[in-house]
Amino acid sequence: MSDKNFTILFQGDSVTDCGRLLTGDTGFSNNGLGPGYPGMIAARLLCDRPDVEWNFINRGIGGNRIVDLYARWKIDALNLKPDLLSLLIGVNDTLHRYQHNNGVEVERAERIYREILTWTKQVLPEIRLILLEPFTFDMGTLPKEGIREVAERGKFVKKLAKEFNAVYLPCQSILNDALKRAPMNHWLADGIHPTPAGHQLFTDAWLKAAKPLLP
């Protein structure tokens, strides 16, 4: 191994979490990354780039909204001093509106998302960012109005990516294109959570998009 050290932090909700605290002790420990796209990305980079001293951290928490992320941002992001931050958040800001009457309006979510990025760049000015578009399929979990709202969140994430010189990963477009190969339930289990195939889809896209940010 070389003396190159590089820390990647994955942040978000259940899609990133993906049962990260429930896996391990099976001869295939991945240090709490979980079986989803963060763990799959780590496996690929560890295999392809053993010359780098990688440090992968997953701090996704199921059910998190943008306000939950903001509340824990210092301890679960800034204090970890990542070289690269990968962030996927937003669908619960809509989902909780319908399930718990506790959503976060699009305009408010954008303000808080911008504050998170501003704070991050102030504390870690050299950090590299990859922002993932929130996504959904019409599979009954959200009403059509909610699906349209998630799309609005994707628009402001794309805008913020440009504003903060981040790489933007268009997850919804990636999923829509994948429908040419297989139906919705091949990629997402319930319109929100990816299947193994869906996680592989995002893993491949993430690795390609993030390549300019990696050592």
Protein backbone atom coordinates (compact mmCIF):
# COMPACT_ATOMS: atom_id res chain seq x y z
CA MET A 1 0.00 0.00 0.00
CA SER A 2 1.13 3.55 -0.68
CA ASP A 3 0.99 6.46 1.72
CA LYS A 4 -1.99 7.96 -0.13
CA ASN A 5 -4.97 8.28 2.23
CA PHE A 6 -8.45 9.09 1.00
CA THR A 7 -11.69 9.19 3.00
CA ILE A 8 -15.09 8.88 1.34
CA LEU A 9 -18.19 9.61 3.42
CA PHE A 10 -21.60 8.37 2.28
CA GLN A 11 -24.50 10.32 3.80
CA GLY A 12 -28.23 10.05 3.44
CA ASP A 13 -31.29 8.02 4.40
CA SER A 14 -32.28 4.34 4.19
CA VAL A 15 -31.09 3.94 0.59
CA THR A 16 -27.56 4.72 1.78
CA ASP A 17 -28.00 3.05 5.18
CA CYS A 18 -29.23 -0.24 3.64
CA GLY A 19 -28.96 -2.15 6.91
CA ARG A 20 -25.33 -1.16 7.47
CA LEU A 21 -25.44 -1.98 11.20
CA LEU A 22 -27.02 -5.38 10.64
CA THR A 23 -24.32 -6.94 8.49
CA GLY A 24 -20.93 -8.41 9.36
CA ASP A 25 -19.44 -11.29 11.34
CA THR A 26 -19.89 -13.59 8.36
CA GLY A 27 -16.34 -13.61 7.07
CA PHE A 28 -17.15 -10.60 4.90
CA SER A 29 -16.95 -7.60 7.18
CA ASN A 30 -17.14 -4.31 5.32
CA ASN A 31 -16.84 -2.09 8.40
CA GLY A 32 -20.47 -1.05 8.63
CA LEU A 33 -20.84 0.04 5.02
CA GLY A 34 -23.78 -2.27 4.39
CA PRO A 35 -24.64 -4.31 1.30
CA GLY A 36 -25.92 -1.37 -0.77
CA TYR A 37 -24.15 1.00 -3.14
CA PRO A 38 -21.64 2.35 -0.55
CA GLY A 39 -20.34 -1.13 0.19
CA MET A 40 -20.36 -2.05 -3.49
CA ILE A 41 -18.40 1.09 -4.39
CA ALA A 42 -15.90 0.35 -1.65
CA ALA A 43 -15.43 -3.24 -2.86
CA ARG A 44 -14.75 -2.07 -6.42
CA LEU A 45 -12.25 0.61 -5.40
CA LEU A 46 -10.47 -1.67 -2.94
CA CYS A 47 -10.08 -4.24 -5.69
CA ASP A 48 -9.05 -1.86 -8.46
CA ARG A 49 -6.92 0.61 -6.48
CA PRO A 50 -4.97 -1.18 -3.74
CA ASP A 51 -2.36 1.56 -4.05
CA VAL A 52 -4.68 3.90 -2.10
CA GLU A 53 -5.22 3.74 1.66
CA TRP A 54 -9.02 4.00 1.48
CA ASN A 55 -11.23 4.95 4.41
CA PHE A 56 -14.93 4.42 3.64
CA ILE A 57 -17.58 5.66 6.07
CA ASN A 58 -21.34 5.19 5.82
CA ARG A 59 -23.49 7.40 8.05
CA GLY A 60 -26.81 7.01 6.25
CA ILE A 61 -29.77 6.62 8.61
CA GLY A 62 -33.11 5.18 7.53
CA GLY A 63 -35.99 7.65 7.66
CA ASN A 64 -33.81 10.76 7.70
CA ARG A 65 -35.07 14.01 6.24
CA ILE A 66 -32.88 17.00 5.39
CA VAL A 67 -33.58 18.48 8.85
CA ASP A 68 -32.41 15.29 10.55
CA LEU A 69 -29.24 15.38 8.50
CA TYR A 70 -28.61 19.00 9.48
CA ALA A 71 -29.06 18.20 13.18
CA ARG A 72 -26.28 15.61 13.13
CA TRP A 73 -24.06 17.18 10.48
CA LYS A 74 -21.18 18.23 12.71
CA ILE A 75 -20.64 14.88 14.39
CA ASP A 76 -21.57 12.69 11.42
CA ALA A 77 -19.88 14.65 8.64
CA LEU A 78 -17.66 17.61 9.49
CA ASN A 79 -15.86 15.92 12.38
CA LEU A 80 -15.01 12.96 10.11
CA LYS A 81 -13.07 15.26 7.74
CA PRO A 82 -13.80 13.37 4.52
CA ASP A 83 -11.94 14.08 1.29
CA LEU A 84 -15.10 13.27 -0.67
CA LEU A 85 -18.71 13.56 0.45
CA SER A 86 -21.42 11.58 -1.35
CA LEU A 87 -24.90 12.81 -0.42
CA LEU A 88 -28.33 11.36 -1.22
CA ILE A 89 -31.27 12.87 0.66
CA GLY A 90 -34.77 14.12 -0.08
CA VAL A 91 -37.37 11.42 -0.63
CA ASN A 92 -38.33 11.26 3.06
CA ASP A 93 -39.00 15.00 3.06
CA THR A 94 -41.90 14.10 0.81
CA LEU A 95 -42.74 10.62 2.15
CA HIS A 96 -43.10 11.85 5.74
CA ARG A 97 -45.64 14.42 4.55
CA TYR A 98 -48.01 11.62 3.63
CA GLN A 99 -47.10 9.06 6.29
CA HIS A 100 -46.60 11.25 9.39
CA ASN A 101 -47.68 14.79 8.43
CA ASN A 102 -44.05 15.69 9.09
CA GLY A 103 -42.53 16.44 5.69
CA VAL A 104 -40.24 19.31 4.75
CA GLU A 105 -41.48 21.71 2.09
CA VAL A 106 -39.41 21.93 -1.08
CA GLU A 107 -38.38 25.57 -0.54
CA ARG A 108 -37.38 24.97 3.09
CA ALA A 109 -35.49 21.80 2.16
CA GLU A 110 -33.52 23.70 -0.47
CA ARG A 111 -32.51 26.36 2.05
CA ILE A 112 -31.33 23.75 4.55
CA TYR A 113 -29.52 21.74 1.88
CA ARG A 114 -27.70 24.91 0.79
CA GLU A 115 -26.79 25.67 4.39
CA ILE A 116 -25.35 22.17 4.82
CA LEU A 117 -23.16 22.62 1.74
CA THR A 118 -22.11 26.14 2.73
CA TRP A 119 -21.17 24.96 6.22
CA THR A 120 -19.25 22.01 4.76
CA LYS A 121 -17.23 24.17 2.37
CA GLN A 122 -16.43 26.64 5.15
CA VAL A 123 -15.07 23.93 7.43
CA LEU A 124 -13.57 21.71 4.71
CA PRO A 125 -12.72 24.03 1.79
CA GLU A 126 -10.91 21.32 -0.19
CA ILE A 127 -13.70 18.75 0.04
CA ARG A 128 -14.98 17.11 -3.15
CA LEU A 129 -18.72 16.65 -3.51
CA ILE A 130 -21.00 14.29 -5.37
CA LEU A 131 -24.72 14.99 -4.99
CA LEU A 132 -27.22 12.27 -5.90
CA GLU A 133 -30.64 13.17 -7.26
CA PRO A 134 -33.52 11.86 -5.11
CA PHE A 135 -35.67 9.45 -7.09
CA THR A 136 -38.86 7.42 -7.09
CA PHE A 137 -41.04 5.22 -9.27
CA ASP A 138 -44.84 5.19 -9.29
CA MET A 139 -45.32 1.89 -7.44
CA GLY A 140 -47.95 2.92 -4.90
CA THR A 141 -45.75 4.19 -2.06
CA LEU A 142 -46.25 7.83 -3.00
CA PRO A 143 -49.20 9.48 -4.75
CA LYS A 144 -48.57 11.14 -8.09
CA GLU A 145 -48.37 14.54 -6.40
CA GLY A 146 -45.61 13.20 -4.16
CA ILE A 147 -43.73 11.80 -7.13
CA ARG A 148 -43.84 15.23 -8.78
CA GLU A 149 -42.59 16.79 -5.55
CA VAL A 150 -39.58 14.45 -5.41
CA ALA A 151 -38.77 15.55 -8.96
CA GLU A 152 -38.80 19.19 -7.78
CA ARG A 153 -36.27 18.28 -5.13
CA GLY A 154 -34.07 16.76 -7.81
CA LYS A 155 -34.13 20.05 -9.68
CA PHE A 156 -32.77 22.03 -6.77
CA VAL A 157 -30.11 19.40 -6.04
CA LYS A 158 -28.92 19.81 -9.62
CA LYS A 159 -28.87 23.58 -9.17
CA LEU A 160 -26.91 23.30 -5.92
CA ALA A 161 -24.42 20.93 -7.54
CA LYS A 162 -23.61 23.62 -10.07
CA GLU A 163 -23.49 26.30 -7.40
CA PHE A 164 -21.05 24.35 -5.22
CA ASN A 165 -18.95 22.85 -8.03
CA ALA A 166 -20.13 19.34 -7.20
CA VAL A 167 -20.61 16.31 -9.42
CA TYR A 168 -24.31 15.64 -9.95
CA LEU A 169 -25.58 12.09 -10.34
CA PRO A 170 -28.97 12.05 -12.17
CA CYS A 171 -30.41 8.99 -10.46
CA GLN A 172 -33.93 9.42 -11.83
CA SER A 173 -32.69 9.59 -15.41
CA ILE A 174 -30.51 6.55 -14.78
CA LEU A 175 -33.53 4.62 -13.51
CA ASN A 176 -35.78 5.79 -16.32
CA ASP A 177 -33.23 4.65 -18.87
CA ALA A 178 -32.96 1.27 -17.12
CA LEU A 179 -36.68 0.70 -17.79
CA LYS A 180 -35.70 -0.04 -21.37
CA ARG A 181 -34.11 -3.24 -20.04
CA ALA A 182 -36.41 -4.34 -17.22
CA PRO A 183 -39.59 -3.19 -15.39
CA MET A 184 -39.74 -0.93 -12.34
CA ASN A 185 -39.71 -3.70 -9.74
CA HIS A 186 -36.44 -5.02 -11.12
CA TRP A 187 -34.71 -1.80 -10.01
CA LEU A 188 -36.75 -0.57 -7.03
CA ALA A 189 -38.56 -2.78 -4.54
CA ASP A 190 -41.29 -0.31 -3.59
CA GLY A 191 -40.73 2.81 -5.65
CA ILE A 192 -38.10 4.12 -3.22
CA HIS A 193 -35.65 1.41 -2.11
CA PRO A 194 -33.35 -0.13 -4.73
CA THR A 195 -33.17 -3.86 -5.31
CA PRO A 196 -29.69 -5.42 -5.63
CA ALA A 197 -29.88 -4.61 -9.35
CA GLY A 198 -30.78 -1.01 -8.53
CA HIS A 199 -27.86 -0.67 -6.14
CA GLN A 200 -25.55 -2.06 -8.82
CA LEU A 201 -26.96 0.47 -11.28
CA PHE A 202 -26.13 3.35 -8.94
CA THR A 203 -22.75 1.86 -8.07
CA ASP A 204 -21.68 1.77 -11.71
CA ALA A 205 -22.97 5.29 -12.35
CA TRP A 206 -21.36 6.65 -9.18
CA LEU A 207 -17.95 5.20 -10.02
CA LYS A 208 -18.06 6.68 -13.50
CA ALA A 209 -19.27 10.11 -12.33
CA ALA A 210 -16.88 10.32 -9.38
CA LYS A 211 -13.78 9.28 -11.30
CA PRO A 212 -12.45 12.87 -11.64
CA LEU A 213 -12.77 13.29 -7.87
CA LEU A 214 -10.83 10.18 -6.88
CA PRO A 215 -7.06 9.88 -6.37
